[in-house]
Amino acid sequence: MNRGRDVFQWVGVAVILSTAAFAVVGWDQTKPPATAKQQEPQQDFTIRTTSRLVLLDVSVKDSEGGFVSGLTKDNFKVFENGKPQEITQFANADIPVTVGLVVDESGSMRPKKPQVVTAALAFIQASNPQDETFVINFNERARRGLPDIVPFTDDLNMLRAALWNGVPEGRTALYDALEMALHQLDMGRRDKKTLVLISDGGDNISQHKLPTSARRASRPEVCDARRADVGRDHLYHRYF
């Protein structure tokens, strides 16, 4: 994901700390005294190496939960056992992630669906081509937007069909949809995972409750979990 990450203002920062030690134990060329009975064999060279590469994958959030971008190596300090360590490499990595789009299709979303689909497709097109994406649609029940045999895809046409799937009607099982999406997210192959929930209102029929869903969404491997609220004239987002 690249520009898509800028749209939702999050950044993954990779800090690489590398130290290496190299030791060569030489060969003692002083030969022991020869005897008539036995002479010890000559020893070979012995080379020992120790190398350690430490990769720190860091995401930085502000006090409101938004991701902070534009950071440099000078903004970080790394310590080991209280001793400062040199950061030898630093990069803002655009790594592929698993992305879940959770889309409200309750009755109140009917006039807003074109706006939602357009925004979601723009997000997908601006993302890393190697992202694996899935769609969860929900009204009174949650359901997968992709075919059952396709858990994830990077195919834009397939994702477009998943976003248009279904007719907005009924009530809002938002927390049930979030639970289904988190379960699907667990099956993703990428190390980092992103969940985007698009809705215009609160839950009014789910069996699950918000505290449980919010705790699951705040796990370390879920690098970005946020909600996009659809108002009358605009689409805006907030964090759980």
C-alpha atoms as a PDB file:
ATOM      1  CA  MET A   1       0.000   0.000   0.000  1.00  0.00           C
ATOM      2  CA  ASN A   2       1.384   3.487  -0.799  1.00  0.00           C
ATOM      3  CA  ARG A   3      -0.901   6.406  -1.496  1.00  0.00           C
ATOM      4  CA  GLY A   4      -3.717   4.439   0.082  1.00  0.00           C
ATOM      5  CA  ARG A   5      -1.805   4.549   3.327  1.00  0.00           C
ATOM      6  CA  ASP A   6      -1.531   8.326   2.988  1.00  0.00           C
ATOM      7  CA  VAL A   7      -5.295   8.557   2.507  1.00  0.00           C
ATOM      8  CA  PHE A   8      -5.865   6.852   5.829  1.00  0.00           C
ATOM      9  CA  GLN A   9      -2.739   8.423   7.373  1.00  0.00           C
ATOM     10  CA  TRP A  10      -0.799   5.506   8.585  1.00  0.00           C
ATOM     11  CA  VAL A  11       2.713   4.515   8.184  1.00  0.00           C
ATOM     12  CA  GLY A  12       4.810   1.522   8.958  1.00  0.00           C
ATOM     13  CA  VAL A  13       8.385   2.319   9.937  1.00  0.00           C
ATOM     14  CA  ALA A  14      11.111  -0.305   9.765  1.00  0.00           C
ATOM     15  CA  VAL A  15      14.181   0.189  11.877  1.00  0.00           C
ATOM     16  CA  ILE A  16      17.052  -2.172  11.255  1.00  0.00           C
ATOM     17  CA  LEU A  17      19.709  -2.539  13.886  1.00  0.00           C
ATOM     18  CA  SER A  18      22.673  -4.529  12.732  1.00  0.00           C
ATOM     19  CA  THR A  19      25.731  -5.536  14.693  1.00  0.00           C
ATOM     20  CA  ALA A  20      28.363  -8.031  13.738  1.00  0.00           C
ATOM     21  CA  ALA A  21      31.318  -9.586  15.408  1.00  0.00           C
ATOM     22  CA  PHE A  22      34.005 -11.524  13.678  1.00  0.00           C
ATOM     23  CA  ALA A  23      36.793 -13.430  15.364  1.00  0.00           C
ATOM     24  CA  VAL A  24      39.595 -15.474  13.886  1.00  0.00           C
ATOM     25  CA  VAL A  25      41.437 -17.882  16.068  1.00  0.00           C
ATOM     26  CA  GLY A  26      44.826 -18.505  14.584  1.00  0.00           C
ATOM     27  CA  TRP A  27      47.007 -21.512  14.483  1.00  0.00           C
ATOM     28  CA  ASP A  28      49.747 -21.899  17.013  1.00  0.00           C
ATOM     29  CA  GLN A  29      52.792 -22.403  14.877  1.00  0.00           C
ATOM     30  CA  THR A  30      55.008 -23.378  17.822  1.00  0.00           C
ATOM     31  CA  LYS A  31      55.404 -27.119  17.533  1.00  0.00           C
ATOM     32  CA  PRO A  32      55.770 -29.267  20.622  1.00  0.00           C
ATOM     33  CA  PRO A  33      59.080 -31.065  21.058  1.00  0.00           C
ATOM     34  CA  ALA A  34      59.358 -34.081  18.819  1.00  0.00           C
ATOM     35  CA  THR A  35      59.955 -37.431  20.414  1.00  0.00           C
ATOM     36  CA  ALA A  36      61.005 -40.695  18.995  1.00  0.00           C
ATOM     37  CA  LYS A  37      57.715 -42.306  19.974  1.00  0.00           C
ATOM     38  CA  GLN A  38      55.090 -39.688  18.956  1.00  0.00           C
ATOM     39  CA  GLN A  39      54.720 -36.305  17.266  1.00  0.00           C
ATOM     40  CA  GLU A  40      51.367 -34.476  17.641  1.00  0.00           C
ATOM     41  CA  PRO A  41      49.612 -33.668  14.313  1.00  0.00           C
ATOM     42  CA  GLN A  42      49.563 -30.119  13.043  1.00  0.00           C
ATOM     43  CA  GLN A  43      46.275 -28.241  13.804  1.00  0.00           C
ATOM     44  CA  ASP A  44      44.140 -26.598  11.088  1.00  0.00           C
ATOM     45  CA  PHE A  45      42.880 -23.002  11.093  1.00  0.00           C
ATOM     46  CA  THR A  46      39.664 -22.427  13.079  1.00  0.00           C
ATOM     47  CA  ILE A  47      37.367 -19.573  12.028  1.00  0.00           C
ATOM     48  CA  ARG A  48      34.409 -18.539  14.157  1.00  0.00           C
ATOM     49  CA  THR A  49      31.868 -15.874  13.185  1.00  0.00           C
ATOM     50  CA  THR A  50      28.943 -14.345  15.011  1.00  0.00           C
ATOM     51  CA  SER A  51      26.436 -12.177  13.164  1.00  0.00           C
ATOM     52  CA  ARG A  52      23.193 -10.662  14.418  1.00  0.00           C
ATOM     53  CA  LEU A  53      20.600  -8.726  12.428  1.00  0.00           C
ATOM     54  CA  VAL A  54      17.762  -7.186  14.416  1.00  0.00           C
ATOM     55  CA  LEU A  55      14.731  -5.908  12.497  1.00  0.00           C
ATOM     56  CA  LEU A  56      12.355  -3.630  14.406  1.00  0.00           C
ATOM     57  CA  ASP A  57       9.036  -3.015  12.662  1.00  0.00           C
ATOM     58  CA  VAL A  58       7.557   0.101  14.256  1.00  0.00           C
ATOM     59  CA  SER A  59       4.283   1.978  13.827  1.00  0.00           C
ATOM     60  CA  VAL A  60       3.871   5.364  15.517  1.00  0.00           C
ATOM     61  CA  LYS A  61       0.489   6.787  16.540  1.00  0.00           C
ATOM     62  CA  ASP A  62      -0.496  10.171  17.909  1.00  0.00           C
ATOM     63  CA  SER A  63      -2.657  10.775  20.994  1.00  0.00           C
ATOM     64  CA  GLU A  64      -5.834  10.323  18.948  1.00  0.00           C
ATOM     65  CA  GLY A  65      -4.769   6.999  17.448  1.00  0.00           C
ATOM     66  CA  GLY A  66      -3.779   8.353  14.033  1.00  0.00           C
ATOM     67  CA  PHE A  67      -0.586   7.174  12.367  1.00  0.00           C
ATOM     68  CA  VAL A  68       2.351   9.592  12.251  1.00  0.00           C
ATOM     69  CA  SER A  69       4.232   9.924   8.968  1.00  0.00           C
ATOM     70  CA  GLY A  70       7.403  11.733   7.878  1.00  0.00           C
ATOM     71  CA  LEU A  71       9.634  10.353  10.646  1.00  0.00           C
ATOM     72  CA  THR A  72      13.391   9.918  10.163  1.00  0.00           C
ATOM     73  CA  LYS A  73      16.136   7.905  11.843  1.00  0.00           C
ATOM     74  CA  ASP A  74      16.859  10.845  14.143  1.00  0.00           C
ATOM     75  CA  ASN A  75      13.390  10.482  15.697  1.00  0.00           C
ATOM     76  CA  PHE A  76      14.280   7.061  17.140  1.00  0.00           C
ATOM     77  CA  LYS A  77      16.665   5.688  19.746  1.00  0.00           C
ATOM     78  CA  VAL A  78      17.360   2.002  20.323  1.00  0.00           C
ATOM     79  CA  PHE A  79      18.719   0.591  23.577  1.00  0.00           C
ATOM     80  CA  GLU A  80      19.915  -2.882  24.511  1.00  0.00           C
ATOM     81  CA  ASN A  81      20.260  -3.597  28.227  1.00  0.00           C
ATOM     82  CA  GLY A  82      20.244   0.152  28.814  1.00  0.00           C
ATOM     83  CA  LYS A  83      23.030   0.824  26.315  1.00  0.00           C
ATOM     84  CA  PRO A  84      22.294   2.903  23.171  1.00  0.00           C
ATOM     85  CA  GLN A  85      22.761   1.077  19.879  1.00  0.00           C
ATOM     86  CA  GLU A  86      23.499   2.524  16.465  1.00  0.00           C
ATOM     87  CA  ILE A  87      20.714   2.399  13.879  1.00  0.00           C
ATOM     88  CA  THR A  88      22.576   1.373  10.759  1.00  0.00           C
ATOM     89  CA  GLN A  89      19.631   1.298   8.343  1.00  0.00           C
ATOM     90  CA  PHE A  90      16.245   3.022   8.294  1.00  0.00           C
ATOM     91  CA  ALA A  91      13.361   2.886   5.816  1.00  0.00           C
ATOM     92  CA  ASN A  92       9.690   3.729   5.458  1.00  0.00           C
ATOM     93  CA  ALA A  93       8.700   0.409   3.914  1.00  0.00           C
ATOM     94  CA  ASP A  94       5.689  -0.015   1.670  1.00  0.00           C
ATOM     95  CA  ILE A  95       5.159  -3.657   2.586  1.00  0.00           C
ATOM     96  CA  PRO A  96       2.200  -5.718   1.345  1.00  0.00           C
ATOM     97  CA  VAL A  97      -0.545  -6.198   3.921  1.00  0.00           C
ATOM     98  CA  THR A  98      -3.803  -8.085   4.354  1.00  0.00           C
ATOM     99  CA  VAL A  99      -6.712  -5.661   3.952  1.00  0.00           C
ATOM    100  CA  GLY A 100     -10.305  -6.188   5.055  1.00  0.00           C
ATOM    101  CA  LEU A 101     -13.073  -3.856   3.815  1.00  0.00           C
ATOM    102  CA  VAL A 102     -16.195  -4.146   5.980  1.00  0.00           C
ATOM    103  CA  VAL A 103     -19.115  -2.419   4.234  1.00  0.00           C
ATOM    104  CA  ASP A 104     -22.483  -1.498   5.782  1.00  0.00           C
ATOM    105  CA  GLU A 105     -25.425  -2.449   3.540  1.00  0.00           C
ATOM    106  CA  SER A 106     -28.275  -1.650   5.919  1.00  0.00           C
ATOM    107  CA  GLY A 107     -31.300   0.261   4.631  1.00  0.00           C
ATOM    108  CA  SER A 108     -29.911   3.685   5.530  1.00  0.00           C
ATOM    109  CA  MET A 109     -26.923   3.108   3.222  1.00  0.00           C
ATOM    110  CA  ARG A 110     -29.015   2.779   0.065  1.00  0.00           C
ATOM    111  CA  PRO A 111     -28.517   6.363  -1.250  1.00  0.00           C
ATOM    112  CA  LYS A 112     -24.839   6.342  -0.183  1.00  0.00           C
ATOM    113  CA  LYS A 113     -23.725   3.088  -1.791  1.00  0.00           C
ATOM    114  CA  PRO A 114     -22.240   4.635  -4.981  1.00  0.00           C
ATOM    115  CA  GLN A 115     -20.174   7.000  -2.831  1.00  0.00           C
ATOM    116  CA  VAL A 116     -18.932   4.129  -0.656  1.00  0.00           C
ATOM    117  CA  VAL A 117     -17.998   1.895  -3.595  1.00  0.00           C
ATOM    118  CA  THR A 118     -16.173   4.749  -5.343  1.00  0.00           C
ATOM    119  CA  ALA A 119     -14.134   5.551  -2.231  1.00  0.00           C
ATOM    120  CA  ALA A 120     -13.316   1.896  -1.541  1.00  0.00           C
ATOM    121  CA  LEU A 121     -12.169   1.297  -5.135  1.00  0.00           C
ATOM    122  CA  ALA A 122      -9.983   4.425  -5.023  1.00  0.00           C
ATOM    123  CA  PHE A 123      -8.392   3.090  -1.845  1.00  0.00           C
ATOM    124  CA  ILE A 124      -7.736  -0.306  -3.461  1.00  0.00           C
ATOM    125  CA  GLN A 125      -6.260   1.202  -6.636  1.00  0.00           C
ATOM    126  CA  ALA A 126      -3.887   3.397  -4.631  1.00  0.00           C
ATOM    127  CA  SER A 127      -2.661   0.470  -2.535  1.00  0.00           C
ATOM    128  CA  ASN A 128       0.265  -1.887  -2.947  1.00  0.00           C
ATOM    129  CA  PRO A 129      -0.464  -4.280  -5.858  1.00  0.00           C
ATOM    130  CA  GLN A 130       0.685  -7.178  -3.682  1.00  0.00           C
ATOM    131  CA  ASP A 131      -1.883  -6.510  -0.948  1.00  0.00           C
ATOM    132  CA  GLU A 132      -4.376  -9.319  -0.399  1.00  0.00           C
ATOM    133  CA  THR A 133      -7.892  -7.928   0.094  1.00  0.00           C
ATOM    134  CA  PHE A 134     -11.284  -9.262   1.144  1.00  0.00           C
ATOM    135  CA  VAL A 135     -14.746  -7.735   1.538  1.00  0.00           C
ATOM    136  CA  ILE A 136     -17.373  -8.298   4.243  1.00  0.00           C
ATOM    137  CA  ASN A 137     -20.861  -6.950   3.492  1.00  0.00           C
ATOM    138  CA  PHE A 138     -23.429  -6.699   6.278  1.00  0.00           C
ATOM    139  CA  ASN A 139     -26.924  -5.568   7.190  1.00  0.00           C
ATOM    140  CA  GLU A 140     -28.893  -7.810   9.569  1.00  0.00           C
ATOM    141  CA  ARG A 141     -26.275 -10.490   8.975  1.00  0.00           C
ATOM    142  CA  ALA A 142     -22.655 -10.468   7.867  1.00  0.00           C
ATOM    143  CA  ARG A 143     -21.520 -12.294   4.726  1.00  0.00           C
ATOM    144  CA  ARG A 144     -18.402 -12.539   2.593  1.00  0.00           C
ATOM    145  CA  GLY A 145     -18.421 -10.496  -0.588  1.00  0.00           C
ATOM    146  CA  LEU A 146     -15.974 -12.710  -2.497  1.00  0.00           C
ATOM    147  CA  PRO A 147     -16.817 -16.235  -3.674  1.00  0.00           C
ATOM    148  CA  ASP A 148     -16.379 -18.933  -1.031  1.00  0.00           C
ATOM    149  CA  ILE A 149     -13.372 -20.400  -2.850  1.00  0.00           C
ATOM    150  CA  VAL A 150     -11.613 -16.988  -2.970  1.00  0.00           C
ATOM    151  CA  PRO A 151     -10.681 -15.841   0.554  1.00  0.00           C
ATOM    152  CA  PHE A 152      -8.458 -12.982  -0.689  1.00  0.00           C
ATOM    153  CA  THR A 153      -7.721 -11.332  -4.012  1.00  0.00           C
ATOM    154  CA  ASP A 154      -5.875  -8.476  -5.695  1.00  0.00           C
ATOM    155  CA  ASP A 155      -8.204  -8.581  -8.721  1.00  0.00           C
ATOM    156  CA  LEU A 156      -9.899  -5.184  -9.030  1.00  0.00           C
ATOM    157  CA  ASN A 157     -12.872  -6.479 -11.000  1.00  0.00           C
ATOM    158  CA  MET A 158     -13.548  -9.188  -8.436  1.00  0.00           C
ATOM    159  CA  LEU A 159     -13.343  -6.669  -5.600  1.00  0.00           C
ATOM    160  CA  ARG A 160     -15.631  -4.277  -7.474  1.00  0.00           C
ATOM    161  CA  ALA A 161     -18.232  -7.030  -7.822  1.00  0.00           C
ATOM    162  CA  ALA A 162     -17.895  -7.838  -4.105  1.00  0.00           C
ATOM    163  CA  LEU A 163     -18.480  -4.201  -3.143  1.00  0.00           C
ATOM    164  CA  TRP A 164     -21.592  -3.963  -5.325  1.00  0.00           C
ATOM    165  CA  ASN A 165     -22.878  -7.308  -4.078  1.00  0.00           C
ATOM    166  CA  GLY A 166     -26.245  -7.133  -2.307  1.00  0.00           C
ATOM    167  CA  VAL A 167     -29.039  -4.577  -1.910  1.00  0.00           C
ATOM    168  CA  PRO A 168     -28.923  -2.179   1.065  1.00  0.00           C
ATOM    169  CA  GLU A 169     -31.813  -3.063   3.386  1.00  0.00           C
ATOM    170  CA  GLY A 170     -32.609  -4.047   6.947  1.00  0.00           C
ATOM    171  CA  ARG A 171     -30.841  -3.252  10.211  1.00  0.00           C
ATOM    172  CA  THR A 172     -27.156  -3.009  11.211  1.00  0.00           C
ATOM    173  CA  ALA A 173     -25.247  -6.005  12.646  1.00  0.00           C
ATOM    174  CA  LEU A 174     -22.008  -4.037  12.794  1.00  0.00           C
ATOM    175  CA  TYR A 175     -20.239  -5.953  15.576  1.00  0.00           C
ATOM    176  CA  ASP A 176     -21.076  -9.337  14.038  1.00  0.00           C
ATOM    177  CA  ALA A 177     -19.519  -8.126  10.778  1.00  0.00           C
ATOM    178  CA  LEU A 178     -16.433  -6.933  12.639  1.00  0.00           C
ATOM    179  CA  GLU A 179     -16.027 -10.336  14.286  1.00  0.00           C
ATOM    180  CA  MET A 180     -16.315 -12.101  10.923  1.00  0.00           C
ATOM    181  CA  ALA A 181     -13.755  -9.733   9.421  1.00  0.00           C
ATOM    182  CA  LEU A 182     -11.276 -10.278  12.256  1.00  0.00           C
ATOM    183  CA  HIS A 183     -11.595 -14.035  11.818  1.00  0.00           C
ATOM    184  CA  GLN A 184     -10.913 -13.635   8.084  1.00  0.00           C
ATOM    185  CA  LEU A 185      -7.995 -11.333   8.858  1.00  0.00           C
ATOM    186  CA  ASP A 186      -6.399 -14.096  10.944  1.00  0.00           C
ATOM    187  CA  MET A 187      -6.185 -16.256   7.818  1.00  0.00           C
ATOM    188  CA  GLY A 188      -4.211 -13.637   5.899  1.00  0.00           C
ATOM    189  CA  ARG A 189      -0.690 -14.481   4.771  1.00  0.00           C
ATOM    190  CA  ARG A 190       0.779 -10.998   5.291  1.00  0.00           C
ATOM    191  CA  ASP A 191       2.540 -10.079   8.522  1.00  0.00           C
ATOM    192  CA  LYS A 192       0.678  -6.778   8.806  1.00  0.00           C
ATOM    193  CA  LYS A 193      -3.077  -6.448   8.601  1.00  0.00           C
ATOM    194  CA  THR A 194      -5.466  -3.540   8.038  1.00  0.00           C
ATOM    195  CA  LEU A 195      -9.199  -3.379   8.697  1.00  0.00           C
ATOM    196  CA  VAL A 196     -11.441  -0.607   7.345  1.00  0.00           C
ATOM    197  CA  LEU A 197     -15.073  -0.454   8.469  1.00  0.00           C
ATOM    198  CA  ILE A 198     -17.464   1.750   6.444  1.00  0.00           C
ATOM    199  CA  SER A 199     -20.801   2.558   8.087  1.00  0.00           C
ATOM    200  CA  ASP A 200     -23.231   5.415   8.758  1.00  0.00           C
ATOM    201  CA  GLY A 201     -24.494   4.441  12.184  1.00  0.00           C
ATOM    202  CA  GLY A 202     -24.303   2.263  15.256  1.00  0.00           C
ATOM    203  CA  ASP A 203     -25.104  -1.381  15.784  1.00  0.00           C
ATOM    204  CA  ASN A 204     -28.697  -2.335  16.578  1.00  0.00           C
ATOM    205  CA  ILE A 205     -28.967  -6.109  16.155  1.00  0.00           C
ATOM    206  CA  SER A 206     -25.596  -7.890  16.644  1.00  0.00           C
ATOM    207  CA  GLN A 207     -25.027 -10.824  18.959  1.00  0.00           C
ATOM    208  CA  HIS A 208     -21.456  -9.663  19.635  1.00  0.00           C
ATOM    209  CA  LYS A 209     -20.574  -6.626  21.730  1.00  0.00           C
ATOM    210  CA  LEU A 210     -18.235  -3.734  20.984  1.00  0.00           C
ATOM    211  CA  PRO A 211     -15.700  -4.221  23.835  1.00  0.00           C
ATOM    212  CA  THR A 212     -14.810  -7.743  22.656  1.00  0.00           C
ATOM    213  CA  SER A 213     -14.551  -6.694  19.016  1.00  0.00           C
ATOM    214  CA  ALA A 214     -12.531  -3.575  19.818  1.00  0.00           C
ATOM    215  CA  ARG A 215     -10.018  -5.568  21.889  1.00  0.00           C
ATOM    216  CA  ARG A 216      -9.491  -8.007  19.032  1.00  0.00           C
ATOM    217  CA  ALA A 217      -9.051  -5.160  16.565  1.00  0.00           C
ATOM    218  CA  SER A 218      -6.342  -3.587  18.733  1.00  0.00           C
ATOM    219  CA  ARG A 219      -4.023  -6.613  18.582  1.00  0.00           C
ATOM    220  CA  PRO A 220      -0.392  -5.861  17.608  1.00  0.00           C
ATOM    221  CA  GLU A 221      -0.610  -7.616  14.231  1.00  0.00           C
ATOM    222  CA  VAL A 222      -3.565  -5.418  13.221  1.00  0.00           C
ATOM    223  CA  CYS A 223      -1.509  -2.377  12.261  1.00  0.00           C
ATOM    224  CA  ASP A 224      -4.491  -0.214  11.302  1.00  0.00           C
ATOM    225  CA  ALA A 225      -8.098  -0.660  12.405  1.00  0.00           C
ATOM    226  CA  ARG A 226     -10.385   2.250  11.773  1.00  0.00           C
ATOM    227  CA  ARG A 227     -13.939   3.157  10.934  1.00  0.00           C
ATOM    228  CA  ALA A 228     -15.069   5.311   8.033  1.00  0.00           C
ATOM    229  CA  ASP A 229     -18.346   7.061   8.846  1.00  0.00           C
ATOM    230  CA  VAL A 230     -20.558   8.115   5.966  1.00  0.00           C
ATOM    231  CA  GLY A 231     -22.309  11.418   6.567  1.00  0.00           C
ATOM    232  CA  ARG A 232     -24.813  13.180   4.372  1.00  0.00           C
ATOM    233  CA  ASP A 233     -22.264  14.893   2.194  1.00  0.00           C
ATOM    234  CA  HIS A 234     -18.934  13.296   2.942  1.00  0.00           C
ATOM    235  CA  LEU A 235     -16.979  10.277   4.060  1.00  0.00           C
ATOM    236  CA  TYR A 236     -14.808  10.647   7.121  1.00  0.00           C
ATOM    237  CA  HIS A 237     -13.029   8.225   9.416  1.00  0.00           C
ATOM    238  CA  ARG A 238     -12.423   7.695  13.087  1.00  0.00           C
ATOM    239  CA  TYR A 239     -10.716   4.986  15.130  1.00  0.00           C
ATOM    240  CA  PHE A 240     -12.522   2.389  17.213  1.00  0.00           C
END
